[in-house]
Amino acid sequence: MQIYTRQLRVRHYEIDVLGHVNNAVYQNYLEQAAVEHAQLLGYSLAQCRKLGGVFVMRRIEIDYLRPAIADDTLEITTWLQQMKFID
């Protein structure tokens, strides 16, 4: 399926006491990119609910190349492997 890529700039408030983006914040970035991707494909949260489903990320893989710090630009890529609506 179609790959979606977006870039985002790390905001100062996302930095933890160690001076870099906390691992939990990366999951927020990934979820936001995935939701934007679904919307681009015509599957807003409202549309998913109408079809009887919800949006779930079943697998997350992150390759940490170096710590991200404030004002860094990150590239987030997501893709749909499968869509399934259960009755």
Protein backbone atom coordinates (compact mmCIF):
# COMPACT_ATOMS: atom_id res chain seq x y z
CA MET A 1 0.00 0.00 0.00
CA GLN A 2 0.93 3.64 -0.29
CA ILE A 3 3.82 4.86 1.88
CA TYR A 4 3.36 8.14 3.77
CA THR A 5 6.30 10.27 4.88
CA ARG A 6 6.25 13.50 6.84
CA GLN A 7 8.89 15.63 8.46
CA LEU A 8 8.57 17.30 11.82
CA ARG A 9 10.70 19.55 13.94
CA VAL A 10 11.38 18.51 17.53
CA ARG A 11 9.85 21.01 19.94
CA HIS A 12 11.68 22.13 23.06
CA TYR A 13 9.02 20.80 25.44
CA GLU A 14 9.50 17.26 24.06
CA ILE A 15 13.01 17.07 25.48
CA ASP A 16 13.52 15.03 28.65
CA VAL A 17 15.96 15.52 31.54
CA LEU A 18 18.67 13.71 29.56
CA GLY A 19 18.51 16.45 26.90
CA HIS A 20 16.93 14.46 24.08
CA VAL A 21 13.53 13.24 22.89
CA ASN A 22 12.14 10.61 25.24
CA ASN A 23 11.29 7.20 23.73
CA ALA A 24 7.60 7.65 24.57
CA VAL A 25 7.47 10.86 22.52
CA TYR A 26 8.58 8.96 19.41
CA GLN A 27 5.43 6.87 19.68
CA ASN A 28 3.37 10.08 19.67
CA TYR A 29 5.15 11.12 16.46
CA LEU A 30 4.45 7.74 14.86
CA GLU A 31 0.80 7.72 15.86
CA GLN A 32 0.27 11.23 14.48
CA ALA A 33 1.87 10.27 11.15
CA ALA A 34 -0.23 7.09 10.97
CA VAL A 35 -3.46 9.00 11.64
CA GLU A 36 -2.55 11.58 8.97
CA HIS A 37 -1.81 8.74 6.54
CA ALA A 38 -5.16 7.08 7.24
CA GLN A 39 -6.96 10.40 6.73
CA LEU A 40 -5.14 10.90 3.43
CA LEU A 41 -6.49 7.51 2.33
CA GLY A 42 -10.04 8.54 3.33
CA TYR A 43 -10.15 6.79 6.71
CA SER A 44 -10.72 9.46 9.31
CA LEU A 45 -11.49 8.36 12.86
CA ALA A 46 -15.17 9.09 12.18
CA GLN A 47 -15.11 6.97 9.01
CA CYS A 48 -13.42 4.07 10.84
CA ARG A 49 -16.05 4.22 13.59
CA LYS A 50 -18.82 4.26 10.99
CA LEU A 51 -17.33 1.07 9.52
CA GLY A 52 -17.21 -0.46 13.00
CA GLY A 53 -13.49 -0.15 13.60
CA VAL A 54 -10.84 1.78 15.42
CA PHE A 55 -7.31 2.69 14.50
CA VAL A 56 -4.66 0.47 16.08
CA MET A 57 -0.90 0.38 15.58
CA ARG A 58 0.00 -3.27 15.97
CA ARG A 59 3.72 -3.00 15.43
CA ILE A 60 6.17 -0.15 15.94
CA GLU A 61 9.79 -0.28 14.82
CA ILE A 62 12.21 2.55 15.52
CA ASP A 63 15.81 2.72 14.39
CA TYR A 64 17.57 5.16 16.72
CA LEU A 65 20.49 6.55 14.73
CA ARG A 66 21.36 9.22 17.29
CA PRO A 67 19.50 11.12 20.01
CA ALA A 68 17.08 13.72 18.66
CA ILE A 69 17.28 17.13 20.29
CA ALA A 70 15.27 20.36 20.08
CA ASP A 71 15.02 21.83 16.57
CA ASP A 72 16.14 18.60 14.86
CA THR A 73 14.04 17.61 11.86
CA LEU A 74 12.85 14.01 11.89
CA GLU A 75 11.43 12.05 8.98
CA ILE A 76 8.54 9.75 9.89
CA THR A 77 7.42 7.04 7.46
CA THR A 78 4.37 4.83 7.83
CA TRP A 79 2.48 2.37 5.68
CA LEU A 80 -0.56 0.18 5.98
CA GLN A 81 0.13 -3.50 5.85
CA GLN A 82 -3.45 -4.61 6.39
CA MET A 83 -6.86 -3.12 7.02
CA LYS A 84 -9.48 -5.29 8.62
CA PHE A 85 -12.93 -4.38 9.88
CA ILE A 86 -14.50 -6.96 12.18
CA ASP A 87 -18.27 -7.34 12.42
